[in-house]
Amino acid sequence: MTHAFMPKQKAILNQNFHLLTKTGGNNNILDESTLFLSTLPATMETTSNAQMTTTSNSTAEATTVSTPFAIFVKILMETTPQEAEINTSSNSTTEGAVYPTASTPFAILVKTLLVIAIVPNLLLNPLMLVTLRRVTSIQPTTKIFMASLTLCDLCNSLWWILSLTSLLADTWLLGSFLCAANQVMLFLFTALSVSTLLLLTVDRYIAVSHPLRYPSIMTVFKSKIIVCSTWATIIVSSILINGINPFYTIQVIGHNKRFCAAETYDWRVYLILVYVGLQLLTILIMYARIALIARNQARRIAAENQAGNGQGGQRINTRSTSTIIIVTGTLIITWIPTLIRLAIASQNQWEPYVSYLAYMLTEAMLLSNGWMNVIIYYLRNKDLRRTLLGLLTDWRQRLSQRF
């Protein structure tokens, strides 16, 4: 067993040995000390073990400390750190280095993506609500479902500002109550986002599959009742399911890092997993059905088009196909990572801070679905683009007149 001496212990060792050489000039003592220095590690181990024996051995040792060499050994052992102290010091210095710091590239990437996901939602969704109110070429019932989806994305982004500030500060700043409320709101907006998206898909499916009966099937009053009942049901369910005994708590990670995250997962995680998974599957099936209907209509138009070579039907088919690809691709990119995270939540063996960052990464991708919906359902529509440009032109003229 080897021992590493600190500078202080080395100085004391040299001083005591120098004093020992001046105490009486006993050659036997000098020879004994020389032998001791040559076998210092073994002597330290033997002496350390002797100090841990019974009281009778300690008394016998006390009777032999009258010689200068014994005094030297005793002083040396009192000033030399023991192995247990060295191990304790080593463990204490390495304990704080288990978790990575917030300056890691992965942490910077997650924070950047979360900012990119939140800021466009806060800028685009209010603008789309104003634009949707001014457009007249879209069915009133469809406008209600689109407004519901846009409002949900906006509210979700506003709530995520709280979590973003804590992530940027590398600690949870909002207390335990808002941490528990954060669980309720996250589950609420996750369920509400996919539900409002499903309502809009059902509305589009009815409009395509039953175009003549659509005005009687989906009225303005019915659409308002459906949207309001969906919001109310999800809000009440989220409060009752997640507000009682929440599993989101403030966890201390590393040095002065406090995050609001789930310590353990229970049946509620799998409930939201099944709920979201079934609704996404329904949306994909409906869009596949819409694609088939649009393809048949395009063929019918091409067959009835006597003036040309079926170019009108071909354009309809191409546009519907591109829309289906964009919608399904967006759903897969933004929602599937969250479903995978929920599915493997109970088997997560990652280090806590890395697990928290992975959770934030999937949420950033899910938030990106908000501004992607603006591109899919608003900016790809010619009438909405024209209305948006007119709105921006009016605002610019008003600002130029005032300033």
Protein backbone atom coordinates (compact mmCIF):
# COMPACT_ATOMS: atom_id res chain seq x y z
CA MET A 1 0.00 0.00 0.00
CA THR A 2 1.47 3.37 -1.00
CA HIS A 3 0.78 6.77 0.59
CA ALA A 4 1.08 10.19 -1.01
CA PHE A 5 2.44 12.85 1.37
CA MET A 6 1.26 16.41 1.31
CA PRO A 7 3.95 19.16 1.52
CA LYS A 8 2.98 19.89 5.12
CA GLN A 9 3.55 16.30 6.22
CA LYS A 10 6.89 16.19 4.40
CA ALA A 11 8.08 19.30 6.24
CA ILE A 12 7.07 17.86 9.62
CA LEU A 13 8.81 14.59 8.77
CA ASN A 14 12.09 16.37 7.94
CA GLN A 15 11.88 18.57 11.04
CA ASN A 16 11.30 15.66 13.42
CA PHE A 17 14.06 13.61 11.83
CA HIS A 18 16.46 16.58 12.19
CA LEU A 19 15.59 16.91 15.87
CA LEU A 20 16.02 13.18 16.31
CA THR A 21 19.62 13.29 15.06
CA LYS A 22 20.45 15.87 17.74
CA THR A 23 19.02 13.99 20.75
CA GLY A 24 22.01 12.37 22.42
CA GLY A 25 23.85 11.15 19.31
CA ASN A 26 22.77 7.56 19.91
CA ASN A 27 24.03 5.47 16.99
CA ASN A 28 21.50 2.75 17.67
CA ILE A 29 18.71 5.26 17.36
CA LEU A 30 20.15 6.60 14.09
CA ASP A 31 20.52 3.11 12.68
CA GLU A 32 16.98 2.33 13.73
CA SER A 33 15.65 5.50 12.14
CA THR A 34 17.51 4.77 8.91
CA LEU A 35 15.98 1.32 8.77
CA PHE A 36 12.59 2.88 9.49
CA LEU A 37 12.84 5.34 6.59
CA SER A 38 13.73 2.54 4.18
CA THR A 39 10.64 0.58 5.23
CA LEU A 40 8.35 3.57 5.76
CA PRO A 41 5.21 2.32 3.92
CA ALA A 42 5.21 -1.03 5.72
CA THR A 43 5.88 0.65 9.06
CA MET A 44 2.97 3.08 8.51
CA GLU A 45 0.61 0.26 7.66
CA THR A 46 1.70 -1.79 10.68
CA THR A 47 1.46 1.17 13.01
CA SER A 48 -1.95 2.15 11.60
CA ASN A 49 -3.24 -1.36 12.27
CA ALA A 50 -1.74 -1.30 15.75
CA GLN A 51 -3.66 1.88 16.56
CA MET A 52 -6.95 0.05 15.88
CA THR A 53 -6.29 -2.79 18.36
CA THR A 54 -7.71 -3.18 21.88
CA THR A 55 -7.11 -0.83 24.82
CA SER A 56 -4.58 -3.18 26.40
CA ASN A 57 -2.36 -2.94 23.33
CA SER A 58 -2.66 0.84 23.41
CA THR A 59 -1.56 0.82 27.06
CA ALA A 60 1.42 -1.39 26.24
CA GLU A 61 2.37 0.97 23.44
CA ALA A 62 2.19 3.93 25.79
CA THR A 63 4.89 2.37 27.98
CA THR A 64 7.34 2.34 25.07
CA VAL A 65 7.04 5.95 23.89
CA SER A 66 9.85 7.09 26.14
CA THR A 67 12.50 6.64 23.43
CA PRO A 68 13.07 9.41 20.86
CA PHE A 69 12.37 7.00 17.99
CA ALA A 70 8.98 6.08 19.43
CA ILE A 71 8.17 9.75 19.86
CA PHE A 72 9.15 10.33 16.22
CA VAL A 73 6.90 7.51 15.00
CA LYS A 74 3.96 8.79 17.02
CA ILE A 75 4.33 12.34 15.69
CA LEU A 76 4.67 11.01 12.15
CA MET A 77 1.47 8.95 12.33
CA GLU A 78 -0.49 11.85 13.80
CA THR A 79 0.52 14.15 10.94
CA THR A 80 0.00 11.61 8.10
CA PRO A 81 -3.46 11.36 6.46
CA GLN A 82 -5.03 7.93 6.69
CA GLU A 83 -6.33 5.97 3.71
CA ALA A 84 -9.96 6.45 4.74
CA GLU A 85 -9.47 10.22 4.85
CA ILE A 86 -7.85 10.18 1.40
CA ASN A 87 -10.73 8.11 -0.03
CA THR A 88 -13.31 10.40 1.57
CA SER A 89 -11.63 13.47 0.13
CA SER A 90 -11.44 11.85 -3.30
CA ASN A 91 -15.10 10.91 -3.24
CA SER A 92 -16.14 14.38 -2.14
CA THR A 93 -14.25 16.01 -4.99
CA THR A 94 -15.68 13.71 -7.65
CA GLU A 95 -19.24 13.57 -6.38
CA GLY A 96 -20.17 16.93 -7.84
CA ALA A 97 -18.79 16.06 -11.27
CA VAL A 98 -21.27 13.28 -12.00
CA TYR A 99 -23.70 15.48 -13.90
CA PRO A 100 -22.77 17.53 -16.95
CA THR A 101 -22.95 21.29 -16.86
CA ALA A 102 -25.42 23.42 -18.76
CA SER A 103 -22.73 24.48 -21.23
CA THR A 104 -22.62 21.08 -22.93
CA PRO A 105 -23.39 21.10 -26.68
CA PHE A 106 -26.51 18.99 -26.14
CA ALA A 107 -27.90 21.50 -23.62
CA ILE A 108 -27.17 24.41 -25.95
CA LEU A 109 -28.89 22.57 -28.82
CA VAL A 110 -32.01 21.88 -26.76
CA LYS A 111 -32.27 25.49 -25.55
CA THR A 112 -31.85 26.82 -29.08
CA LEU A 113 -34.49 24.50 -30.53
CA LEU A 114 -36.93 25.39 -27.77
CA VAL A 115 -36.52 29.11 -28.46
CA ILE A 116 -36.95 28.50 -32.20
CA ALA A 117 -40.13 26.52 -31.48
CA ILE A 118 -41.73 29.05 -29.11
CA VAL A 119 -40.97 32.41 -30.75
CA PRO A 120 -42.59 31.68 -34.17
CA ASN A 121 -45.71 30.42 -32.41
CA LEU A 122 -45.98 33.63 -30.42
CA LEU A 123 -45.57 35.72 -33.57
CA LEU A 124 -47.54 33.76 -36.18
CA ASN A 125 -50.56 32.37 -34.34
CA PRO A 126 -52.02 35.74 -33.20
CA LEU A 127 -51.52 37.04 -36.73
CA MET A 128 -53.32 34.02 -38.15
CA LEU A 129 -56.28 34.53 -35.81
CA VAL A 130 -56.70 38.09 -37.08
CA THR A 131 -56.32 36.95 -40.69
CA LEU A 132 -58.83 34.14 -40.24
CA ARG A 133 -61.37 36.62 -38.92
CA ARG A 134 -61.10 38.78 -42.05
CA VAL A 135 -61.16 36.06 -44.71
CA THR A 136 -64.57 35.32 -46.27
CA SER A 137 -63.90 32.49 -48.72
CA ILE A 138 -63.56 29.75 -46.08
CA GLN A 139 -66.56 27.96 -44.59
CA PRO A 140 -67.57 29.38 -41.18
CA THR A 141 -67.48 25.92 -39.63
CA THR A 142 -63.96 25.29 -40.90
CA LYS A 143 -62.88 28.68 -39.54
CA ILE A 144 -64.10 27.63 -36.08
CA PHE A 145 -62.00 24.46 -36.08
CA MET A 146 -58.97 26.31 -37.44
CA ALA A 147 -59.33 29.00 -34.79
CA SER A 148 -59.53 26.32 -32.10
CA LEU A 149 -56.29 24.72 -33.30
CA THR A 150 -54.51 28.07 -33.56
CA LEU A 151 -55.66 29.20 -30.12
CA CYS A 152 -54.47 25.92 -28.59
CA ASP A 153 -51.02 26.32 -30.13
CA LEU A 154 -50.82 29.91 -28.91
CA CYS A 155 -51.81 29.06 -25.33
CA ASN A 156 -49.37 26.18 -25.26
CA SER A 157 -46.52 28.46 -26.35
CA LEU A 158 -47.45 31.09 -23.77
CA TRP A 159 -47.31 28.53 -20.97
CA TRP A 160 -43.98 27.20 -22.19
CA ILE A 161 -42.38 30.60 -21.60
CA LEU A 162 -42.28 29.68 -17.89
CA SER A 163 -40.41 26.45 -18.54
CA LEU A 164 -38.12 28.18 -21.03
CA THR A 165 -36.98 30.74 -18.45
CA SER A 166 -36.16 27.97 -15.99
CA LEU A 167 -34.27 26.02 -18.65
CA LEU A 168 -32.21 29.06 -19.63
CA ALA A 169 -31.47 29.81 -15.96
CA ASP A 170 -30.54 26.15 -15.32
CA THR A 171 -32.85 26.00 -12.30
CA TRP A 172 -36.60 25.96 -11.60
CA LEU A 173 -37.59 29.43 -10.40
CA LEU A 174 -41.35 29.10 -9.97
CA GLY A 175 -41.89 27.04 -6.83
CA SER A 176 -43.51 23.70 -6.10
CA PHE A 177 -47.10 24.78 -6.83
CA LEU A 178 -46.35 25.86 -10.39
CA CYS A 179 -44.31 22.70 -10.82
CA ALA A 180 -47.40 20.63 -10.04
CA ALA A 181 -49.48 22.92 -12.26
CA ASN A 182 -46.93 22.42 -15.01
CA GLN A 183 -47.80 18.71 -15.13
CA VAL A 184 -51.50 19.54 -15.52
CA MET A 185 -50.89 22.09 -18.27
CA LEU A 186 -48.47 19.92 -20.24
CA PHE A 187 -50.87 16.98 -20.31
CA LEU A 188 -53.76 19.36 -21.06
CA PHE A 189 -52.13 20.99 -24.09
CA THR A 190 -50.79 17.68 -25.39
CA ALA A 191 -54.28 16.18 -25.39
CA LEU A 192 -55.89 19.39 -26.62
CA SER A 193 -53.47 19.83 -29.53
CA VAL A 194 -54.08 16.39 -30.97
CA SER A 195 -57.84 16.63 -30.32
CA THR A 196 -58.27 19.96 -32.12
CA LEU A 197 -56.19 18.62 -34.98
CA LEU A 198 -58.49 15.59 -35.14
CA LEU A 199 -61.57 17.84 -35.22
CA LEU A 200 -60.17 19.78 -38.16
CA THR A 201 -59.36 16.53 -39.96
CA VAL A 202 -62.89 15.21 -39.41
CA ASP A 203 -64.31 18.46 -40.76
CA ARG A 204 -62.16 18.16 -43.89
CA TYR A 205 -63.12 14.51 -44.31
CA ILE A 206 -66.84 15.29 -44.19
CA ALA A 207 -66.41 18.18 -46.63
CA VAL A 208 -64.58 15.94 -49.13
CA SER A 209 -66.60 12.74 -48.75
CA HIS A 210 -70.04 14.40 -48.52
CA PRO A 211 -69.74 17.79 -50.23
CA LEU A 212 -73.46 18.21 -50.88
CA ARG A 213 -74.57 17.21 -47.38
CA TYR A 214 -71.79 19.07 -45.61
CA PRO A 215 -73.80 22.27 -44.86
CA SER A 216 -76.50 20.24 -43.13
CA ILE A 217 -74.15 17.84 -41.34
CA MET A 218 -71.76 20.45 -39.96
CA THR A 219 -73.49 23.67 -38.99
CA VAL A 220 -71.98 26.63 -37.17
CA PHE A 221 -73.90 25.82 -33.99
CA LYS A 222 -72.77 22.18 -34.06
CA SER A 223 -69.16 23.13 -34.64
CA LYS A 224 -69.21 25.56 -31.70
CA ILE A 225 -70.73 22.92 -29.43
CA ILE A 226 -68.15 20.34 -30.51
CA VAL A 227 -65.22 22.69 -29.93
CA CYS A 228 -66.45 23.98 -26.56
CA SER A 229 -67.29 20.49 -25.28
CA THR A 230 -63.87 19.21 -26.36
CA TRP A 231 -62.05 22.00 -24.54
CA ALA A 232 -64.18 21.62 -21.40
CA THR A 233 -63.82 17.83 -21.27
CA ILE A 234 -60.05 17.89 -21.67
CA ILE A 235 -59.58 20.71 -19.13
CA VAL A 236 -61.67 18.98 -16.47
CA SER A 237 -60.10 15.59 -17.15
CA SER A 238 -56.56 16.97 -16.96
CA ILE A 239 -57.24 18.67 -13.63
CA LEU A 240 -58.86 15.58 -12.11
CA ILE A 241 -56.30 13.09 -13.42
CA ASN A 242 -53.09 15.07 -12.99
CA GLY A 243 -54.02 17.64 -10.36
CA ILE A 244 -54.50 15.00 -7.66
CA ASN A 245 -51.22 13.50 -6.44
CA PRO A 246 -48.99 14.91 -9.20
CA PHE A 247 -45.72 13.12 -9.90
CA TYR A 248 -43.94 16.23 -11.20
CA THR A 249 -41.64 17.46 -8.43
CA ILE A 250 -38.65 19.77 -8.09
CA GLN A 251 -35.56 17.59 -8.39
CA VAL A 252 -32.08 18.70 -7.37
CA ILE A 253 -29.50 17.66 -9.95
CA GLY A 254 -25.82 18.37 -9.52
CA HIS A 255 -24.85 21.65 -7.85
CA ASN A 256 -27.65 24.23 -7.50
CA LYS A 257 -29.68 22.69 -10.36
CA ARG A 258 -33.39 22.41 -9.61
CA PHE A 259 -35.70 21.18 -12.34
CA CYS A 260 -39.41 20.41 -12.47
CA ALA A 261 -39.63 16.90 -13.87
CA ALA A 262 -41.17 13.51 -13.22
CA GLU A 263 -39.26 11.38 -10.74
CA THR A 264 -41.38 8.29 -11.41
CA TYR A 265 -44.05 7.46 -13.99
CA ASP A 266 -47.37 5.77 -13.40
CA TRP A 267 -50.48 4.82 -15.34
CA ARG A 268 -51.23 8.43 -16.34
CA VAL A 269 -48.28 8.45 -18.72
CA TYR A 270 -49.58 5.39 -20.54
CA LEU A 271 -53.07 6.87 -20.58
CA ILE A 272 -51.92 9.93 -22.50
CA LEU A 273 -49.77 7.66 -24.69
CA VAL A 274 -52.78 5.56 -25.73
CA TYR A 275 -54.98 8.65 -26.12
CA VAL A 276 -52.55 10.50 -28.38
CA GLY A 277 -51.57 7.36 -30.31
CA LEU A 278 -55.16 6.46 -31.18
CA GLN A 279 -56.01 9.97 -32.30
CA LEU A 280 -52.91 10.26 -34.46
CA LEU A 281 -53.70 6.91 -36.05
CA THR A 282 -57.25 8.12 -36.76
CA ILE A 283 -55.89 11.30 -38.36
CA LEU A 284 -53.54 9.35 -40.62
CA ILE A 285 -56.31 6.96 -41.68
CA MET A 286 -58.65 9.85 -42.48
CA TYR A 287 -56.03 11.63 -44.56
CA ALA A 288 -55.36 8.41 -46.45
CA ARG A 289 -59.08 8.18 -47.13
CA ILE A 290 -59.15 11.84 -48.23
CA ALA A 291 -56.29 11.14 -50.63
CA LEU A 292 -58.22 8.27 -52.23
CA ILE A 293 -61.35 10.39 -52.60
CA ALA A 294 -59.36 13.26 -54.13
CA ARG A 295 -57.72 10.85 -56.56
CA ASN A 296 -61.08 9.49 -57.72
CA GLN A 297 -62.43 13.01 -58.15
CA ALA A 298 -59.38 13.99 -60.17
CA ARG A 299 -59.91 11.03 -62.49
CA ARG A 300 -63.57 11.93 -62.91
CA ILE A 301 -62.72 15.53 -63.75
CA ALA A 302 -60.09 14.41 -66.22
CA ALA A 303 -62.57 12.08 -67.92
CA GLU A 304 -65.22 14.79 -68.16
CA ASN A 305 -62.82 17.44 -69.39
CA GLN A 306 -63.40 17.53 -73.13
CA ALA A 307 -61.49 20.69 -73.90
CA GLY A 308 -58.09 19.67 -72.59
CA ASN A 309 -56.12 16.57 -71.75
CA GLY A 310 -57.19 16.23 -68.14
CA GLN A 311 -54.79 18.82 -66.78
CA GLY A 312 -57.34 20.17 -64.31
CA GLY A 313 -57.82 16.81 -62.67
CA GLN A 314 -54.09 16.23 -62.64
CA ARG A 315 -53.54 19.52 -60.77
CA ILE A 316 -56.13 18.56 -58.16
CA ASN A 317 -54.57 15.15 -57.69
CA THR A 318 -51.06 16.61 -57.37
CA ARG A 319 -52.11 19.26 -54.86
CA SER A 320 -54.05 16.81 -52.69
CA THR A 321 -51.16 14.35 -52.73
CA SER A 322 -48.65 17.01 -51.70
CA THR A 323 -50.97 18.15 -48.91
CA ILE A 324 -51.29 14.62 -47.56
CA ILE A 325 -47.52 14.13 -47.65
CA ILE A 326 -46.89 17.40 -45.83
CA VAL A 327 -49.49 16.73 -43.15
CA THR A 328 -48.44 13.14 -42.45
CA GLY A 329 -44.74 14.03 -42.55
CA THR A 330 -45.28 16.84 -40.06
CA LEU A 331 -47.20 14.56 -37.72
CA ILE A 332 -44.48 11.90 -37.83
CA ILE A 333 -41.62 14.33 -37.27
CA THR A 334 -43.21 16.29 -34.43
CA TRP A 335 -45.32 13.71 -32.58
CA ILE A 336 -43.53 10.36 -32.89
CA PRO A 337 -40.53 11.38 -30.69
CA THR A 338 -42.92 12.29 -27.88
CA LEU A 339 -44.74 8.97 -28.20
CA ILE A 340 -41.43 7.09 -28.06
CA ARG A 341 -40.37 9.03 -24.97
CA LEU A 342 -43.66 8.25 -23.22
CA ALA A 343 -43.41 4.58 -24.19
CA ILE A 344 -39.92 4.13 -22.69
CA ALA A 345 -40.42 6.49 -19.75
CA SER A 346 -40.47 3.76 -17.07
CA GLN A 347 -37.39 2.03 -18.53
CA ASN A 348 -35.33 5.22 -18.73
CA GLN A 349 -31.82 4.52 -17.42
CA TRP A 350 -30.25 7.80 -18.47
CA GLU A 351 -28.48 10.17 -16.15
CA PRO A 352 -31.10 12.61 -14.72
CA TYR A 353 -29.88 15.80 -16.42
CA VAL A 354 -29.52 14.08 -19.82
CA SER A 355 -32.99 12.59 -19.41
CA TYR A 356 -34.38 16.04 -18.64
CA LEU A 357 -32.74 17.50 -21.75
CA ALA A 358 -34.09 14.63 -23.89
CA TYR A 359 -37.56 15.38 -22.53
CA MET A 360 -37.12 19.06 -23.44
CA LEU A 361 -35.95 18.09 -26.93
CA THR A 362 -39.10 16.09 -27.66
CA GLU A 363 -41.23 18.93 -26.31
CA ALA A 364 -39.43 21.40 -28.57
CA MET A 365 -40.24 19.21 -31.57
CA LEU A 366 -43.85 18.99 -30.43
CA LEU A 367 -44.07 22.77 -30.06
CA SER A 368 -42.73 23.12 -33.59
CA ASN A 369 -45.96 21.53 -34.78
CA GLY A 370 -47.67 24.83 -33.89
CA TRP A 371 -45.91 27.02 -36.46
CA MET A 372 -45.90 24.13 -38.95
CA ASN A 373 -49.71 24.13 -38.72
CA VAL A 374 -49.62 27.79 -39.73
CA ILE A 375 -47.72 26.87 -42.89
CA ILE A 376 -49.95 23.89 -43.70
CA TYR A 377 -53.41 25.33 -43.03
CA TYR A 378 -52.84 29.06 -43.58
CA LEU A 379 -49.93 30.01 -45.81
CA ARG A 380 -50.64 27.30 -48.40
CA ASN A 381 -54.14 28.71 -48.89
CA LYS A 382 -54.25 31.37 -51.60
CA ASP A 383 -57.14 33.34 -50.08
CA LEU A 384 -55.53 33.40 -46.65
CA ARG A 385 -52.22 34.55 -48.12
CA ARG A 386 -53.97 37.35 -49.99
CA THR A 387 -55.84 38.41 -46.86
CA LEU A 388 -52.64 38.31 -44.81
CA LEU A 389 -50.78 40.50 -47.32
CA GLY A 390 -53.66 42.98 -47.32
CA LEU A 391 -53.64 43.06 -43.53
CA LEU A 392 -49.90 43.68 -43.35
CA THR A 393 -50.19 46.40 -46.00
CA ASP A 394 -52.88 48.19 -44.01
CA TRP A 395 -50.78 48.06 -40.84
CA ARG A 396 -47.74 49.40 -42.66
CA GLN A 397 -49.71 52.32 -44.08
CA ARG A 398 -51.12 53.19 -40.67
CA LEU A 399 -47.67 53.14 -39.12
CA SER A 400 -46.26 55.30 -41.92
CA GLN A 401 -49.03 57.87 -41.42
CA ARG A 402 -48.41 58.09 -37.67
CA PHE A 403 -44.65 58.30 -37.88
